[in-house]
Protein backbone atom coordinates (compact mmCIF):
# COMPACT_ATOMS: atom_id res chain seq x y z
CA MET A 1 0.00 0.00 0.00
CA LEU A 2 1.25 3.46 -0.85
CA GLY A 3 2.14 5.92 1.86
CA ALA A 4 2.25 5.66 5.63
CA ASP A 5 0.03 6.67 8.53
CA VAL A 6 1.40 9.23 10.97
CA SER A 7 0.53 8.64 14.62
CA PRO A 8 0.16 11.49 17.15
CA ALA A 9 3.52 10.53 18.65
CA GLN A 10 5.20 10.52 15.24
CA TYR A 11 3.64 13.89 14.42
CA ALA A 12 4.92 15.39 17.68
CA SER A 13 8.36 14.02 16.82
CA LEU A 14 8.19 15.67 13.39
CA LEU A 15 7.44 19.06 14.95
CA GLN A 16 10.28 18.62 17.41
CA ARG A 17 12.63 17.63 14.62
CA ALA A 18 11.70 20.71 12.61
CA ALA A 19 12.29 22.97 15.62
CA GLN A 20 15.76 21.50 16.15
CA GLY A 21 16.76 21.12 12.51
CA ASP A 22 19.52 23.26 11.05
CA ALA A 23 19.07 22.52 7.35
CA ARG A 24 16.09 24.38 5.88
CA TRP A 25 15.15 23.06 2.47
CA LEU A 26 11.74 24.74 2.09
CA GLN A 27 10.87 28.43 2.13
CA PHE A 28 7.26 29.58 2.39
CA ASP A 29 5.90 33.08 2.03
CA ALA A 30 4.06 33.48 5.33
CA ASP A 31 1.29 35.65 3.88
CA ALA A 32 0.66 33.32 0.92
CA LEU A 33 0.64 30.28 3.19
CA ARG A 34 -1.82 31.89 5.60
CA SER A 35 -4.21 33.17 2.93
CA HIS A 36 -3.95 30.44 0.27
CA TYR A 37 -3.17 27.13 1.96
CA ASN A 38 -5.79 24.54 0.99
CA ARG A 39 -7.85 27.24 -0.73
CA ARG A 40 -5.86 28.31 -3.78
CA PRO A 41 -2.55 27.19 -5.32
CA PHE A 42 0.55 29.24 -4.55
CA LEU A 43 4.28 29.09 -5.21
CA LEU A 44 7.00 28.30 -2.70
CA GLN A 45 10.79 28.08 -2.87
CA HIS A 46 13.15 25.22 -2.00
CA ARG A 47 16.80 24.11 -2.32
CA LEU A 48 16.43 20.47 -3.37
CA GLN A 49 18.28 21.12 -6.63
CA GLU A 50 21.40 21.32 -4.40
CA HIS A 51 20.87 17.85 -2.91
CA PRO A 52 22.96 15.06 -4.52
CA LEU A 53 20.30 12.38 -3.94
CA PHE A 54 17.96 14.15 -6.37
CA ASP A 55 20.32 14.09 -9.34
CA ILE A 56 19.48 11.81 -12.25
CA ALA A 57 22.09 9.06 -11.67
CA PRO A 58 21.15 8.24 -8.06
CA LEU A 59 17.46 8.39 -8.96
CA PHE A 60 17.93 5.94 -11.84
CA ASP A 61 19.79 3.69 -9.37
CA LEU A 62 16.89 4.04 -6.92
CA ALA A 63 14.36 3.07 -9.61
CA GLN A 64 16.31 -0.11 -10.33
CA ARG A 65 16.76 -1.27 -6.72
CA LEU A 66 13.23 -0.63 -5.46
CA PRO A 67 10.56 -3.35 -5.73
CA ALA A 68 8.89 -3.30 -9.14
CA GLN A 69 5.51 -2.29 -7.69
CA GLN A 70 7.02 0.99 -6.48
CA VAL A 71 8.17 2.12 -9.93
CA LYS A 72 5.66 3.01 -12.61
CA PHE A 73 6.90 3.90 -16.07
CA ARG A 74 5.63 4.58 -19.56
CA ARG A 75 6.23 6.68 -22.61
CA GLY A 76 5.57 10.29 -21.73
CA ASP A 77 3.87 11.41 -24.95
CA VAL A 78 0.28 10.73 -23.92
CA ALA A 79 -2.77 12.89 -24.55
CA PRO A 80 -3.28 15.62 -21.94
CA ASP A 81 -6.89 14.47 -21.47
CA ALA A 82 -6.02 10.76 -21.22
CA ASP A 83 -7.29 8.74 -18.28
CA PHE A 84 -4.54 9.21 -15.69
CA ASP A 85 -4.78 5.75 -14.13
CA ALA A 86 -5.02 3.97 -17.50
CA THR A 87 -1.74 5.48 -18.72
CA PHE A 88 0.17 3.21 -16.34
CA LYS A 89 -1.42 -0.04 -17.49
CA PRO A 90 1.10 -2.58 -18.86
CA PRO A 91 2.39 -1.25 -22.19
CA GLN A 92 1.45 -3.11 -25.32
CA ASP A 93 4.97 -2.88 -26.75
CA ALA A 94 6.54 -4.74 -23.79
CA LEU A 95 8.53 -1.70 -22.69
CA THR A 96 10.90 -2.60 -19.84
CA LEU A 97 12.44 -0.33 -17.22
CA PRO A 98 16.07 -1.12 -18.22
CA HIS A 99 15.29 -0.35 -21.86
CA LEU A 100 13.53 2.89 -20.93
CA LEU A 101 16.42 4.01 -18.71
CA ALA A 102 18.92 3.29 -21.47
CA HIS A 103 16.90 5.27 -24.06
CA PHE A 104 15.07 7.67 -21.79
CA GLU A 105 14.99 10.84 -23.86
CA PRO A 106 14.45 9.27 -27.33
CA LEU A 107 11.49 7.32 -25.88
CA HIS A 108 10.11 10.43 -24.16
CA GLY A 109 10.34 8.51 -20.89
CA TYR A 110 8.18 9.06 -17.83
CA ILE A 111 8.93 7.40 -14.48
CA CYS A 112 7.05 7.71 -11.21
CA ILE A 113 8.96 6.40 -8.19
CA ASN A 114 6.48 5.72 -5.40
CA ASN A 115 7.54 6.23 -1.79
CA PRO A 116 11.30 6.81 -2.05
CA GLU A 117 11.19 7.14 1.76
CA LYS A 118 11.00 3.33 1.93
CA ASP A 119 14.61 3.26 0.76
CA ALA A 120 17.10 3.56 3.64
CA GLN A 121 19.25 6.06 1.73
CA TYR A 122 16.37 8.41 0.99
CA ARG A 123 14.33 8.07 4.20
CA PRO A 124 16.22 10.65 6.32
CA GLN A 125 15.90 13.40 3.72
CA ILE A 126 12.22 12.70 2.99
CA GLU A 127 11.39 12.67 6.71
CA ALA A 128 13.28 15.95 7.19
CA LEU A 129 11.16 17.55 4.45
CA LEU A 130 7.97 16.15 5.97
CA ALA A 131 8.98 17.69 9.31
CA GLU A 132 9.38 21.08 7.65
CA ILE A 133 5.97 20.83 5.99
CA ALA A 134 4.35 19.81 9.27
CA ALA A 135 5.89 22.75 11.12
CA HIS A 136 4.79 25.26 8.49
CA ILE A 137 1.17 24.13 8.20
CA HIS A 138 0.65 23.25 11.88
CA PRO A 139 -0.86 26.64 12.88
CA LEU A 140 -3.37 26.33 10.02
CA ASP A 141 -4.04 22.60 9.73
CA PRO A 142 -2.61 20.60 12.63
CA HIS A 143 -1.75 16.94 12.57
CA ILE A 144 -0.71 15.23 9.37
CA THR A 145 -2.31 11.77 9.55
CA TRP A 146 -0.85 10.18 6.39
CA TYR A 147 1.65 11.01 3.67
CA SER A 148 3.10 9.62 0.49
CA THR A 149 5.84 10.92 -1.79
CA TYR A 150 6.57 10.50 -5.49
CA VAL A 151 9.57 11.33 -7.64
CA PHE A 152 8.68 12.15 -11.24
CA ILE A 153 11.37 11.87 -13.93
CA SER A 154 10.21 12.93 -17.38
CA ALA A 155 11.72 13.71 -20.76
CA GLN A 156 10.91 16.66 -22.99
CA GLY A 157 7.28 16.74 -24.00
CA ALA A 158 6.07 14.30 -21.34
CA VAL A 159 2.59 14.95 -19.95
CA THR A 160 0.88 14.12 -16.67
CA PRO A 161 -2.79 14.08 -17.78
CA TYR A 162 -5.60 15.95 -16.07
CA HIS A 163 -6.61 14.32 -12.78
CA MET A 164 -7.16 15.08 -9.13
CA ASP A 165 -5.71 13.46 -6.01
CA ARG A 166 -7.59 12.73 -2.81
CA GLU A 167 -5.13 14.68 -0.68
CA MET A 168 -3.18 17.93 -0.54
CA ASN A 169 0.12 18.21 -2.38
CA PHE A 170 3.34 20.20 -2.64
CA LEU A 171 5.00 19.66 -6.03
CA LEU A 172 8.68 20.68 -5.93
CA GLN A 173 10.58 21.20 -9.20
CA ILE A 174 14.23 20.05 -8.93
CA ARG A 175 15.55 19.92 -12.50
CA GLY A 176 14.19 21.23 -15.79
CA GLU A 177 11.06 23.23 -16.41
CA LYS A 178 7.38 22.37 -16.24
CA THR A 179 4.04 24.08 -16.40
CA ALA A 180 1.51 23.00 -13.79
CA ASP A 181 -2.10 23.77 -14.71
CA LEU A 182 -4.49 23.83 -11.75
CA TRP A 183 -8.24 24.21 -11.47
CA SER A 184 -10.24 25.29 -8.46
CA GLN A 185 -11.66 22.45 -6.42
CA ASP A 186 -14.48 24.83 -5.42
CA ASP A 187 -15.57 25.61 -8.99
CA PRO A 188 -18.89 23.74 -9.55
CA VAL A 189 -18.28 23.76 -13.30
CA ILE A 190 -15.09 21.75 -12.76
CA LEU A 191 -16.17 19.49 -9.90
CA ARG A 192 -19.82 19.04 -9.02
CA PRO A 193 -20.76 17.97 -5.48
CA TRP A 194 -21.76 14.46 -6.55
CA GLN A 195 -18.44 14.04 -8.38
CA LYS A 196 -16.51 14.96 -5.25
CA ASP A 197 -18.56 12.52 -3.20
CA ARG A 198 -17.92 9.68 -5.65
CA LEU A 199 -14.23 10.57 -5.98
CA LEU A 200 -13.63 10.37 -2.24
CA ALA A 201 -15.77 7.25 -1.91
CA TYR A 202 -13.64 5.60 -4.62
CA GLU A 203 -16.72 5.03 -6.78
CA GLY A 204 -15.92 4.77 -10.47
CA ALA A 205 -13.29 6.68 -12.42
CA ARG A 206 -12.02 10.12 -11.50
CA PRO A 207 -14.02 13.01 -13.00
CA PRO A 208 -12.81 13.58 -16.58
CA TYR A 209 -11.44 16.64 -18.33
CA LYS A 210 -13.69 18.63 -20.67
CA PRO A 211 -12.48 21.14 -23.27
CA GLU A 212 -14.59 23.91 -21.72
CA PHE A 213 -12.44 23.65 -18.58
CA GLU A 214 -9.40 25.06 -20.36
CA ALA A 215 -10.24 28.74 -19.92
CA ARG A 216 -10.67 28.22 -16.16
CA ALA A 217 -7.14 26.87 -15.54
CA ARG A 218 -4.37 28.71 -13.70
CA HIS A 219 -0.87 28.18 -15.06
CA PHE A 220 2.27 27.97 -12.90
CA ALA A 221 5.72 28.00 -14.53
CA LEU A 222 8.04 25.80 -12.48
CA ARG A 223 11.82 25.77 -12.60
CA PRO A 224 14.47 24.36 -10.24
CA GLY A 225 13.90 25.83 -6.78
CA LEU A 226 10.19 26.50 -7.23
CA GLY A 227 7.21 24.47 -6.10
CA VAL A 228 3.44 24.82 -6.16
CA HIS A 229 0.79 23.89 -3.60
CA HIS A 230 -2.19 21.82 -4.73
CA PRO A 231 -5.20 22.27 -2.42
CA PHE A 232 -7.30 19.29 -1.37
CA ILE A 233 -8.61 17.43 -4.49
CA ALA A 234 -7.68 20.32 -6.81
CA PRO A 235 -7.59 19.06 -10.43
CA HIS A 236 -4.26 19.49 -12.19
CA ARG A 237 -2.20 18.65 -15.28
CA VAL A 238 1.57 18.97 -15.81
CA TRP A 239 3.65 19.54 -18.94
CA THR A 240 7.42 18.94 -19.22
CA HIS A 241 9.23 21.54 -21.32
CA SER A 242 12.94 20.91 -20.88
CA ASP A 243 15.00 17.96 -22.10
CA LEU A 244 14.82 16.31 -18.68
CA SER A 245 12.73 17.08 -15.63
CA ILE A 246 12.87 15.89 -12.01
CA SER A 247 10.26 16.80 -9.44
CA LEU A 248 9.19 15.57 -6.00
CA ALA A 249 5.58 15.52 -4.84
CA PHE A 250 4.51 15.40 -1.20
CA THR A 251 0.89 14.29 -0.87
CA PHE A 252 -0.60 14.25 2.61
CA ARG A 253 -3.77 14.15 4.66
CA THR A 254 -4.63 15.89 7.91
CA ARG A 255 -7.34 15.54 10.52
CA GLN A 256 -9.34 18.21 8.72
CA SER A 257 -9.04 16.58 5.28
CA ASP A 258 -9.94 13.23 6.90
CA ARG A 259 -13.15 14.81 8.24
CA LEU A 260 -13.97 16.23 4.81
CA THR A 261 -13.28 12.86 3.18
CA ALA A 262 -15.58 11.09 5.66
CA ALA A 263 -18.32 13.67 5.05
CA HIS A 264 -18.06 13.14 1.29
CA GLN A 265 -18.20 9.38 1.81
CA PHE A 266 -21.31 9.78 3.97
CA ASN A 267 -22.92 11.83 1.20
CA ALA A 268 -22.07 9.08 -1.28
CA ARG A 269 -23.91 6.59 0.96
CA LEU A 270 -26.93 8.90 1.11
CA ARG A 271 -26.96 9.12 -2.68
CA ARG A 272 -26.86 5.33 -2.97
CA LEU A 273 -29.89 5.22 -0.64
CA GLY A 274 -31.81 7.55 -2.96
CA LEU A 275 -31.15 11.01 -1.51
CA GLN A 276 -29.82 12.70 -4.61
CA ASN A 277 -29.05 16.16 -3.24
CA PRO A 278 -27.51 15.98 0.24
CA LYS A 279 -26.05 19.20 1.60
CA PRO A 280 -22.71 19.69 -0.19
CA VAL A 281 -19.58 19.26 1.90
CA GLY A 282 -17.98 22.60 2.72
CA GLU A 283 -21.17 24.60 3.24
CA SER A 284 -21.42 23.92 6.97
CA ALA A 285 -18.54 22.87 9.21
CA TRP A 286 -20.79 21.43 11.90
CA VAL A 287 -22.86 19.44 9.39
CA ASP A 288 -19.65 18.07 7.86
CA ALA A 289 -18.40 17.08 11.31
CA ALA A 290 -21.71 15.36 12.10
CA LYS A 291 -21.56 13.41 8.83
CA ALA A 292 -17.98 12.34 9.54
CA GLN A 293 -18.97 11.15 13.02
CA ALA A 294 -21.98 9.29 11.61
CA LEU A 295 -19.82 7.52 9.04
CA HIS A 296 -17.34 6.45 11.70
CA ALA A 297 -20.20 5.16 13.86
CA LEU A 298 -21.50 3.09 10.93
CA GLN A 299 -18.04 1.71 10.30
CA ARG A 300 -17.69 0.70 13.95
CA LEU A 301 -21.02 -1.15 13.75
CA ARG A 302 -19.95 -3.00 10.62
CA HIS A 303 -16.42 -3.77 11.81
CA PRO A 304 -16.46 -3.87 15.65
CA LEU A 305 -13.28 -5.93 15.95
CA HIS A 306 -11.34 -3.54 13.75
CA ALA A 307 -12.71 -0.55 15.69
CA ALA A 308 -11.74 -2.14 19.02
CA GLN A 309 -8.18 -2.61 17.81
CA HIS A 310 -7.92 1.09 16.96
């Protein structure tokens, strides 16, 4: 399973580590963080382009020593409106990772390394970055409950198609240049309430791109040392411009996003029972909290042994 849960004790340790840490790899604009975090995308700065572990040779080595299920790869020249999950299905031309690595740029290669923190060499640096993120967002959104990281290596012209994650994200550009297109998660033209409910209940495919969405996108030019924040479930698409690009994505959940997820899942249950227009999540904090509590109560009734163990 991707990612890892973060216990209260582990979270407290992250905050302590950030307070004691000397190396600062991330730099946030305090005003942008306070006004935009989890509402609108914003840029931040970092120094990961200076770190030797994030150069191309050690990352290619990492891709080859990790278990195969942690490394997804494909040709990068896919349609920008392609189904994101389907692009990683086994290639029809029997493309192998060694062949792609040996001919990466001619094949317009695209590699996604899942959870580099599971590698002993990379774990300390990833955990240090997580500690910095936790310390910065703690006053606004305390307690990270889960996180997962991804290293993206892509050749010129590679595309990450339109999709949305079920978490928040900081995408950090380390080498090369990209454009990240983001859409507002609060725009009902882009994501309707029922689509959000189904997305977070894992019902069906992710909501698809439509050509009429294009004019509503915001475009962020990324270069080494710049990153962009993706709010909770914000749709996005990424284009690689340079000959070779490396970026690191931190996706994470918090207690607040867990409550929102549970409220969406409760709405999805109501829809399956025939209530087609439950109150949309986000309109009332206390209603969302009540829905989250109701969902957890139902889950405890269905799985009492599991609930007792937690």
